[in-house]
Amino acid sequence: MHTYAVPDADTTPVPCTPLPDPTDEFDLSISEKSGLKVPKQVVATTEGREFVVSVANAGPDTAAGTLTVTANTDAGGDVLVNGLPGPFVYTFNGVLPGLSYSTGTVYFTIGEPHESAKITWTAVVEPAAGSEDPYMGNNAVTAVSNVRVTGGGGH
């Protein structure tokens, strides 16, 4: 290949090492319009109300992460799922590009009757450790449910 041999003193050693594992990258998002579905009106003593959160994966890689849903009332009383107060945490993996993860229907109650109030719901999705979401601006949404007390106890 060469007319003249390259002297050993002028060679550059090239180490043969494996490449680092690439970081999974995907765009997780929660739609402002349909990603967090909560009731507009809630009666404080009613059981069996529900919320649903959907997280989309725009790819390019298969997604994994954690979804956290918080429900804060401005007049007291906890929002409970299975008798436990939030935050409500859901872990997911294996969501292919172009598909979504959903909590499915989650039933909640309000722990104590209280004055009429509002529940401010927040859903936030974060990529799993070792993954990257370059577009974090679409990873959180909020919604509001109005709460009223039956029997004239609220405003």
N, C-alpha and C. Protein backbone atom coordinates (compact mmCIF):
# COMPACT_ATOMS: atom_id res chain seq x y z
N MET A 1 0.82 -1.17 0.00
CA MET A 1 0.00 0.00 0.00
C MET A 1 0.87 1.25 0.00
N HIS A 2 1.96 1.22 0.72
CA HIS A 2 2.88 2.35 0.73
C HIS A 2 4.16 1.93 0.01
N THR A 3 4.72 2.92 -0.63
CA THR A 3 6.01 2.64 -1.25
C THR A 3 7.08 2.52 -0.19
N TYR A 4 6.95 3.31 0.84
CA TYR A 4 7.93 3.29 1.91
C TYR A 4 7.22 2.90 3.21
N ALA A 5 7.86 2.13 4.01
CA ALA A 5 7.30 1.71 5.30
C ALA A 5 7.25 2.90 6.26
N VAL A 6 6.23 2.94 7.12
CA VAL A 6 6.10 4.00 8.12
C VAL A 6 6.97 3.60 9.30
N PRO A 7 7.85 4.50 9.74
CA PRO A 7 8.70 4.16 10.89
C PRO A 7 7.85 4.01 12.15
N ASP A 8 8.24 3.08 13.03
CA ASP A 8 7.50 2.84 14.26
C ASP A 8 7.39 4.09 15.13
N ALA A 9 8.36 4.97 15.09
CA ALA A 9 8.35 6.17 15.92
C ALA A 9 7.24 7.13 15.51
N ASP A 10 6.74 7.04 14.28
CA ASP A 10 5.72 7.96 13.80
C ASP A 10 4.30 7.38 13.85
N THR A 11 4.12 6.24 14.43
CA THR A 11 2.79 5.64 14.48
C THR A 11 2.02 6.16 15.69
N THR A 12 0.72 6.18 15.58
CA THR A 12 -0.15 6.57 16.67
C THR A 12 -0.92 5.34 17.12
N PRO A 13 -0.75 4.94 18.39
CA PRO A 13 -1.49 3.76 18.84
C PRO A 13 -2.99 4.07 18.90
N VAL A 14 -3.80 3.14 18.45
CA VAL A 14 -5.25 3.28 18.50
C VAL A 14 -5.77 2.17 19.40
N PRO A 15 -6.25 2.55 20.60
CA PRO A 15 -6.74 1.50 21.50
C PRO A 15 -8.05 0.91 20.95
N CYS A 16 -8.21 -0.35 21.16
CA CYS A 16 -9.41 -1.05 20.72
C CYS A 16 -10.30 -1.27 21.94
N THR A 17 -11.23 -0.33 22.15
CA THR A 17 -12.13 -0.44 23.30
C THR A 17 -13.57 -0.37 22.80
N PRO A 18 -14.48 -0.98 23.52
CA PRO A 18 -15.88 -0.91 23.08
C PRO A 18 -16.43 0.50 23.24
N LEU A 19 -17.38 0.84 22.38
CA LEU A 19 -18.04 2.14 22.48
C LEU A 19 -18.97 2.14 23.68
N PRO A 20 -19.16 3.30 24.31
CA PRO A 20 -20.10 3.34 25.44
C PRO A 20 -21.52 3.08 24.93
N ASP A 21 -22.34 2.55 25.84
CA ASP A 21 -23.73 2.31 25.47
C ASP A 21 -24.39 3.64 25.15
N PRO A 22 -25.13 3.68 24.05
CA PRO A 22 -25.81 4.93 23.74
C PRO A 22 -26.94 5.18 24.74
N THR A 23 -27.22 6.45 24.99
CA THR A 23 -28.32 6.83 25.87
C THR A 23 -29.62 6.74 25.10
N ASP A 24 -30.62 6.08 25.69
CA ASP A 24 -31.94 6.07 25.06
C ASP A 24 -32.47 7.48 25.05
N GLU A 25 -33.05 7.87 23.92
CA GLU A 25 -33.61 9.21 23.80
C GLU A 25 -35.01 9.11 23.22
N PHE A 26 -35.94 9.81 23.86
CA PHE A 26 -37.33 9.79 23.40
C PHE A 26 -38.02 11.03 23.92
N ASP A 27 -39.11 11.41 23.26
CA ASP A 27 -39.88 12.57 23.69
C ASP A 27 -41.16 12.08 24.34
N LEU A 28 -41.20 12.15 25.66
CA LEU A 28 -42.43 11.85 26.40
C LEU A 28 -43.27 13.12 26.47
N SER A 29 -44.58 12.97 26.42
CA SER A 29 -45.43 14.16 26.54
C SER A 29 -46.79 13.77 27.10
N ILE A 30 -47.43 14.76 27.73
CA ILE A 30 -48.80 14.62 28.21
C ILE A 30 -49.59 15.73 27.52
N SER A 31 -50.59 15.35 26.75
CA SER A 31 -51.37 16.32 26.00
C SER A 31 -52.11 17.28 26.92
N GLU A 32 -52.06 18.57 26.59
CA GLU A 32 -52.80 19.59 27.35
C GLU A 32 -54.30 19.35 27.25
N LYS A 33 -54.77 18.80 26.13
CA LYS A 33 -56.21 18.64 25.90
C LYS A 33 -56.76 17.31 26.41
N SER A 34 -56.00 16.23 26.24
CA SER A 34 -56.57 14.92 26.57
C SER A 34 -55.65 14.03 27.41
N GLY A 35 -54.51 14.52 27.83
CA GLY A 35 -53.57 13.68 28.56
C GLY A 35 -53.92 13.46 30.02
N LEU A 36 -54.60 14.44 30.64
CA LEU A 36 -55.01 14.34 32.05
C LEU A 36 -56.52 14.55 32.09
N LYS A 37 -57.24 13.47 32.31
CA LYS A 37 -58.70 13.54 32.34
C LYS A 37 -59.17 13.41 33.78
N VAL A 38 -59.82 14.48 34.27
CA VAL A 38 -60.36 14.50 35.63
C VAL A 38 -61.79 15.04 35.54
N PRO A 39 -62.64 14.74 36.54
CA PRO A 39 -64.00 15.28 36.49
C PRO A 39 -63.99 16.79 36.73
N LYS A 40 -64.89 17.49 36.05
CA LYS A 40 -65.02 18.94 36.25
C LYS A 40 -65.67 19.24 37.59
N GLN A 41 -66.62 18.40 38.02
CA GLN A 41 -67.35 18.60 39.27
C GLN A 41 -67.25 17.34 40.12
N VAL A 42 -67.04 17.51 41.42
CA VAL A 42 -66.96 16.40 42.36
C VAL A 42 -67.78 16.77 43.59
N VAL A 43 -68.60 15.84 44.07
CA VAL A 43 -69.31 16.02 45.33
C VAL A 43 -68.46 15.36 46.40
N ALA A 44 -68.22 16.04 47.50
CA ALA A 44 -67.26 15.59 48.51
C ALA A 44 -67.52 14.19 49.03
N THR A 45 -68.78 13.79 49.16
CA THR A 45 -69.05 12.47 49.75
C THR A 45 -69.22 11.38 48.69
N THR A 46 -69.04 11.70 47.43
CA THR A 46 -69.22 10.72 46.35
C THR A 46 -67.99 9.83 46.23
N GLU A 47 -68.21 8.54 46.13
CA GLU A 47 -67.11 7.61 45.88
C GLU A 47 -67.15 7.19 44.43
N GLY A 48 -66.03 6.72 43.94
CA GLY A 48 -65.98 6.17 42.60
C GLY A 48 -65.76 7.17 41.49
N ARG A 49 -65.27 8.37 41.80
CA ARG A 49 -64.88 9.29 40.74
C ARG A 49 -63.54 8.83 40.19
N GLU A 50 -63.19 9.27 39.00
CA GLU A 50 -62.01 8.70 38.36
C GLU A 50 -61.17 9.75 37.65
N PHE A 51 -59.87 9.37 37.47
CA PHE A 51 -58.98 10.14 36.61
C PHE A 51 -58.22 9.16 35.73
N VAL A 52 -57.72 9.66 34.60
CA VAL A 52 -56.91 8.87 33.67
C VAL A 52 -55.81 9.79 33.17
N VAL A 53 -54.59 9.27 33.10
CA VAL A 53 -53.48 10.03 32.53
C VAL A 53 -52.85 9.18 31.43
N SER A 54 -52.58 9.82 30.28
CA SER A 54 -51.94 9.15 29.15
C SER A 54 -50.65 9.88 28.81
N VAL A 55 -49.58 9.10 28.61
CA VAL A 55 -48.26 9.63 28.27
C VAL A 55 -47.88 9.10 26.89
N ALA A 56 -47.59 10.00 25.95
CA ALA A 56 -47.21 9.61 24.59
C ALA A 56 -45.69 9.55 24.47
N ASN A 57 -45.22 8.63 23.62
CA ASN A 57 -43.80 8.52 23.29
C ASN A 57 -43.62 8.83 21.80
N ALA A 58 -42.99 9.97 21.49
CA ALA A 58 -42.75 10.34 20.10
C ALA A 58 -41.46 9.73 19.56
N GLY A 59 -40.73 8.96 20.40
CA GLY A 59 -39.53 8.27 19.94
C GLY A 59 -38.32 9.18 19.91
N PRO A 60 -37.24 8.74 19.32
CA PRO A 60 -37.13 7.60 18.43
C PRO A 60 -36.93 6.25 19.13
N ASP A 61 -36.60 6.25 20.42
CA ASP A 61 -36.34 4.99 21.12
C ASP A 61 -37.55 4.55 21.93
N THR A 62 -37.53 3.31 22.40
CA THR A 62 -38.55 2.78 23.29
C THR A 62 -38.42 3.49 24.64
N ALA A 63 -39.54 3.88 25.23
CA ALA A 63 -39.53 4.74 26.42
C ALA A 63 -39.77 3.98 27.71
N ALA A 64 -39.18 4.51 28.77
CA ALA A 64 -39.41 4.06 30.14
C ALA A 64 -39.38 5.30 31.02
N GLY A 65 -40.15 5.28 32.10
CA GLY A 65 -40.14 6.46 32.96
C GLY A 65 -41.08 6.33 34.13
N THR A 66 -41.30 7.47 34.78
CA THR A 66 -42.16 7.54 35.95
C THR A 66 -43.15 8.68 35.76
N LEU A 67 -44.42 8.39 36.06
CA LEU A 67 -45.48 9.38 36.02
C LEU A 67 -45.93 9.64 37.45
N THR A 68 -45.97 10.91 37.86
CA THR A 68 -46.41 11.28 39.20
C THR A 68 -47.63 12.18 39.08
N VAL A 69 -48.70 11.80 39.78
CA VAL A 69 -49.94 12.58 39.78
C VAL A 69 -50.16 13.09 41.20
N THR A 70 -50.33 14.41 41.34
CA THR A 70 -50.65 15.00 42.63
C THR A 70 -52.03 15.64 42.55
N ALA A 71 -52.73 15.64 43.68
CA ALA A 71 -54.06 16.23 43.76
C ALA A 71 -54.13 17.04 45.05
N ASN A 72 -54.09 18.36 44.93
CA ASN A 72 -54.10 19.24 46.09
C ASN A 72 -55.43 19.98 46.19
N THR A 73 -56.04 19.91 47.39
CA THR A 73 -57.28 20.65 47.61
C THR A 73 -56.95 21.95 48.32
N ASP A 74 -57.73 22.98 48.05
CA ASP A 74 -57.45 24.27 48.68
C ASP A 74 -58.27 24.50 49.94
N ALA A 75 -59.07 23.50 50.37
CA ALA A 75 -59.86 23.67 51.60
C ALA A 75 -59.75 22.45 52.50
N GLY A 76 -58.68 21.69 52.39
CA GLY A 76 -58.47 20.53 53.24
C GLY A 76 -59.09 19.27 52.67
N GLY A 77 -58.74 18.15 53.27
CA GLY A 77 -59.22 16.85 52.82
C GLY A 77 -58.31 16.28 51.75
N ASP A 78 -57.85 15.06 51.97
CA ASP A 78 -56.96 14.42 51.01
C ASP A 78 -57.75 13.75 49.91
N VAL A 79 -57.16 13.71 48.73
CA VAL A 79 -57.67 12.87 47.65
C VAL A 79 -57.01 11.51 47.85
N LEU A 80 -57.83 10.46 47.88
CA LEU A 80 -57.34 9.12 48.21
C LEU A 80 -57.55 8.16 47.04
N VAL A 81 -56.56 7.32 46.81
CA VAL A 81 -56.67 6.19 45.88
C VAL A 81 -56.39 4.94 46.69
N ASN A 82 -57.33 4.02 46.70
CA ASN A 82 -57.22 2.80 47.53
C ASN A 82 -57.00 3.16 48.99
N GLY A 83 -57.61 4.26 49.44
CA GLY A 83 -57.51 4.68 50.83
C GLY A 83 -56.24 5.40 51.19
N LEU A 84 -55.34 5.62 50.24
CA LEU A 84 -54.06 6.27 50.53
C LEU A 84 -53.96 7.62 49.83
N PRO A 85 -53.39 8.63 50.53
CA PRO A 85 -53.22 9.93 49.89
C PRO A 85 -52.06 9.91 48.90
N GLY A 86 -52.07 10.85 47.97
CA GLY A 86 -51.02 10.94 46.96
C GLY A 86 -49.75 11.54 47.52
N PRO A 87 -48.76 11.71 46.70
CA PRO A 87 -48.81 11.61 45.25
C PRO A 87 -48.94 10.15 44.80
N PHE A 88 -49.50 10.00 43.58
CA PHE A 88 -49.72 8.68 43.00
C PHE A 88 -48.67 8.48 41.92
N VAL A 89 -47.86 7.42 42.07
CA VAL A 89 -46.70 7.22 41.20
C VAL A 89 -46.89 5.95 40.39
N TYR A 90 -46.64 6.07 39.08
CA TYR A 90 -46.78 4.96 38.14
C TYR A 90 -45.47 4.84 37.36
N THR A 91 -44.92 3.62 37.30
CA THR A 91 -43.69 3.36 36.56
C THR A 91 -44.05 2.56 35.32
N PHE A 92 -43.43 2.92 34.20
CA PHE A 92 -43.71 2.21 32.95
C PHE A 92 -42.42 1.98 32.18
N ASN A 93 -42.45 0.98 31.30
CA ASN A 93 -41.32 0.73 30.40
C ASN A 93 -41.82 0.02 29.16
N GLY A 94 -40.98 -0.04 28.13
CA GLY A 94 -41.32 -0.75 26.91
C GLY A 94 -42.37 -0.06 26.05
N VAL A 95 -42.53 1.27 26.18
CA VAL A 95 -43.51 1.98 25.35
C VAL A 95 -42.83 2.32 24.01
N LEU A 96 -43.29 1.67 22.96
CA LEU A 96 -42.68 1.84 21.65
C LEU A 96 -42.94 3.24 21.09
N PRO A 97 -42.06 3.73 20.20
CA PRO A 97 -42.29 5.03 19.57
C PRO A 97 -43.65 5.06 18.88
N GLY A 98 -44.36 6.17 19.07
CA GLY A 98 -45.67 6.33 18.46
C GLY A 98 -46.81 5.78 19.29
N LEU A 99 -46.51 5.12 20.40
CA LEU A 99 -47.54 4.57 21.27
C LEU A 99 -47.60 5.33 22.58
N SER A 100 -48.54 4.95 23.45
CA SER A 100 -48.75 5.66 24.71
C SER A 100 -48.83 4.70 25.88
N TYR A 101 -48.55 5.24 27.05
CA TYR A 101 -48.78 4.55 28.32
C TYR A 101 -49.98 5.24 28.96
N SER A 102 -50.88 4.46 29.56
CA SER A 102 -52.03 5.02 30.26
C SER A 102 -52.14 4.40 31.65
N THR A 103 -52.56 5.21 32.61
CA THR A 103 -52.80 4.68 33.95
C THR A 103 -54.03 3.79 33.96
N GLY A 104 -54.86 3.91 32.93
CA GLY A 104 -56.16 3.27 32.98
C GLY A 104 -57.03 4.09 33.92
N THR A 105 -58.24 3.66 34.14
CA THR A 105 -59.15 4.39 35.02
C THR A 105 -58.73 4.18 36.47
N VAL A 106 -58.45 5.27 37.18
CA VAL A 106 -58.05 5.23 38.58
C VAL A 106 -59.17 5.88 39.38
N TYR A 107 -59.76 5.14 40.32
CA TYR A 107 -60.85 5.66 41.12
C TYR A 107 -60.31 6.33 42.38
N PHE A 108 -60.91 7.47 42.74
CA PHE A 108 -60.48 8.20 43.92
C PHE A 108 -61.68 8.63 44.74
N THR A 109 -61.41 8.97 46.00
CA THR A 109 -62.39 9.57 46.88
C THR A 109 -61.73 10.76 47.57
N ILE A 110 -62.55 11.56 48.25
CA ILE A 110 -62.01 12.67 49.04
C ILE A 110 -62.10 12.25 50.49
N GLY A 111 -60.97 12.31 51.19
CA GLY A 111 -60.84 11.74 52.52
C GLY A 111 -61.75 12.30 53.59
N GLU A 112 -62.04 13.59 53.59
CA GLU A 112 -62.86 14.20 54.64
C GLU A 112 -63.83 15.17 53.99
N PRO A 113 -65.07 15.20 54.45
CA PRO A 113 -65.95 16.27 53.95
C PRO A 113 -65.36 17.61 54.38
N HIS A 114 -65.46 18.58 53.53
CA HIS A 114 -64.92 19.90 53.83
C HIS A 114 -65.73 20.94 53.05
N GLU A 115 -65.36 22.17 53.20
CA GLU A 115 -66.05 23.23 52.46
C GLU A 115 -65.85 23.00 50.97
N SER A 116 -66.73 23.61 50.20
CA SER A 116 -66.55 23.55 48.76
C SER A 116 -65.17 24.06 48.42
N ALA A 117 -64.56 23.42 47.46
CA ALA A 117 -63.16 23.72 47.18
C ALA A 117 -62.84 23.38 45.74
N LYS A 118 -61.56 23.43 45.47
CA LYS A 118 -61.04 23.00 44.16
C LYS A 118 -59.94 21.99 44.41
N ILE A 119 -59.84 21.02 43.51
CA ILE A 119 -58.70 20.11 43.50
C ILE A 119 -57.86 20.51 42.30
N THR A 120 -56.61 20.82 42.56
CA THR A 120 -55.67 21.10 41.47
C THR A 120 -54.86 19.85 41.22
N TRP A 121 -55.03 19.29 40.05
CA TRP A 121 -54.34 18.07 39.64
C TRP A 121 -53.11 18.43 38.83
N THR A 122 -52.00 17.74 39.08
CA THR A 122 -50.80 17.92 38.28
C THR A 122 -50.25 16.54 37.93
N ALA A 123 -49.94 16.35 36.65
CA ALA A 123 -49.33 15.11 36.19
C ALA A 123 -47.98 15.47 35.56
N VAL A 124 -46.93 14.79 36.00
CA VAL A 124 -45.57 15.05 35.52
C VAL A 124 -44.94 13.71 35.15
N VAL A 125 -44.36 13.64 33.95
CA VAL A 125 -43.67 12.42 33.53
C VAL A 125 -42.17 12.72 33.40
N GLU A 126 -41.34 11.77 33.86
CA GLU A 126 -39.89 11.90 33.79
C GLU A 126 -39.31 10.65 33.16
N PRO A 127 -38.27 10.79 32.33
CA PRO A 127 -37.65 9.61 31.74
C PRO A 127 -36.92 8.79 32.80
N ALA A 128 -36.78 7.51 32.53
CA ALA A 128 -36.06 6.62 33.45
C ALA A 128 -34.58 7.01 33.50
N ALA A 129 -33.91 6.62 34.58
CA ALA A 129 -32.47 6.88 34.72
C ALA A 129 -31.74 6.28 33.53
N GLY A 130 -30.76 7.00 33.01
CA GLY A 130 -29.99 6.52 31.86
C GLY A 130 -30.66 6.85 30.53
N SER A 131 -31.79 7.56 30.59
CA SER A 131 -32.51 7.97 29.39
C SER A 131 -32.55 9.49 29.33
N GLU A 132 -32.89 10.00 28.16
CA GLU A 132 -32.94 11.44 28.01
C GLU A 132 -34.19 11.84 27.24
N ASP A 133 -34.83 12.89 27.72
CA ASP A 133 -35.98 13.50 27.03
C ASP A 133 -35.57 14.93 26.71
N PRO A 134 -35.23 15.21 25.45
CA PRO A 134 -34.73 16.55 25.11
C PRO A 134 -35.80 17.63 25.12
N TYR A 135 -37.07 17.25 25.23
CA TYR A 135 -38.17 18.22 25.18
C TYR A 135 -38.99 18.13 26.46
N MET A 136 -38.46 18.59 27.57
CA MET A 136 -39.14 18.49 28.86
C MET A 136 -40.31 19.46 29.00
N GLY A 137 -40.45 20.41 28.10
CA GLY A 137 -41.51 21.41 28.19
C GLY A 137 -42.92 20.86 28.02
N ASN A 138 -43.05 19.63 27.52
CA ASN A 138 -44.37 19.04 27.33
C ASN A 138 -44.61 17.85 28.28
N ASN A 139 -43.91 17.84 29.39
CA ASN A 139 -43.96 16.70 30.32
C ASN A 139 -44.84 16.92 31.54
N ALA A 140 -45.56 18.04 31.61
CA ALA A 140 -46.42 18.30 32.77
C ALA A 140 -47.68 19.02 32.33
N VAL A 141 -48.79 18.66 32.97
CA VAL A 141 -50.07 19.35 32.74
C VAL A 141 -50.80 19.49 34.07
N THR A 142 -51.73 20.45 34.12
CA THR A 142 -52.57 20.62 35.29
C THR A 142 -54.03 20.68 34.85
N ALA A 143 -54.91 20.37 35.78
CA ALA A 143 -56.35 20.46 35.56
C ALA A 143 -57.00 20.73 36.91
N VAL A 144 -58.25 21.19 36.88
CA VAL A 144 -58.96 21.53 38.11
C VAL A 144 -60.30 20.83 38.16
N SER A 145 -60.64 20.31 39.35
CA SER A 145 -61.98 19.79 39.63
C SER A 145 -62.59 20.68 40.70
N ASN A 146 -63.84 21.07 40.52
CA ASN A 146 -64.57 21.82 41.54
C ASN A 146 -65.21 20.83 42.49
N VAL A 147 -65.08 21.08 43.80
CA VAL A 147 -65.63 20.19 44.82
C VAL A 147 -66.74 20.95 45.56
N ARG A 148 -67.87 20.28 45.74
CA ARG A 148 -68.91 20.91 46.54
C ARG A 148 -69.39 19.93 47.59
N VAL A 149 -69.85 20.50 48.68
CA VAL A 149 -70.36 19.71 49.81
C VAL A 149 -71.87 19.71 49.70
N THR A 150 -72.48 18.55 49.86
CA THR A 150 -73.94 18.47 49.81
C THR A 150 -74.54 19.01 51.10
N GLY A 151 -75.81 19.36 51.05
CA GLY A 151 -76.52 19.81 52.25
C GLY A 151 -76.29 21.27 52.58
N GLY A 152 -75.78 22.05 51.60
CA GLY A 152 -75.65 23.48 51.82
C GLY A 152 -74.44 23.88 52.64
N GLY A 153 -73.48 22.96 52.89
CA GLY A 153 -72.32 23.30 53.69
C GLY A 153 -71.29 24.11 52.98
N GLY A 154 -71.35 24.20 51.64
CA GLY A 154 -70.33 24.93 50.91
C GLY A 154 -70.80 26.28 50.48
N HIS A 155 -69.94 27.02 49.79
CA HIS A 155 -70.28 28.35 49.31
C HIS A 155 -70.73 28.22 47.86
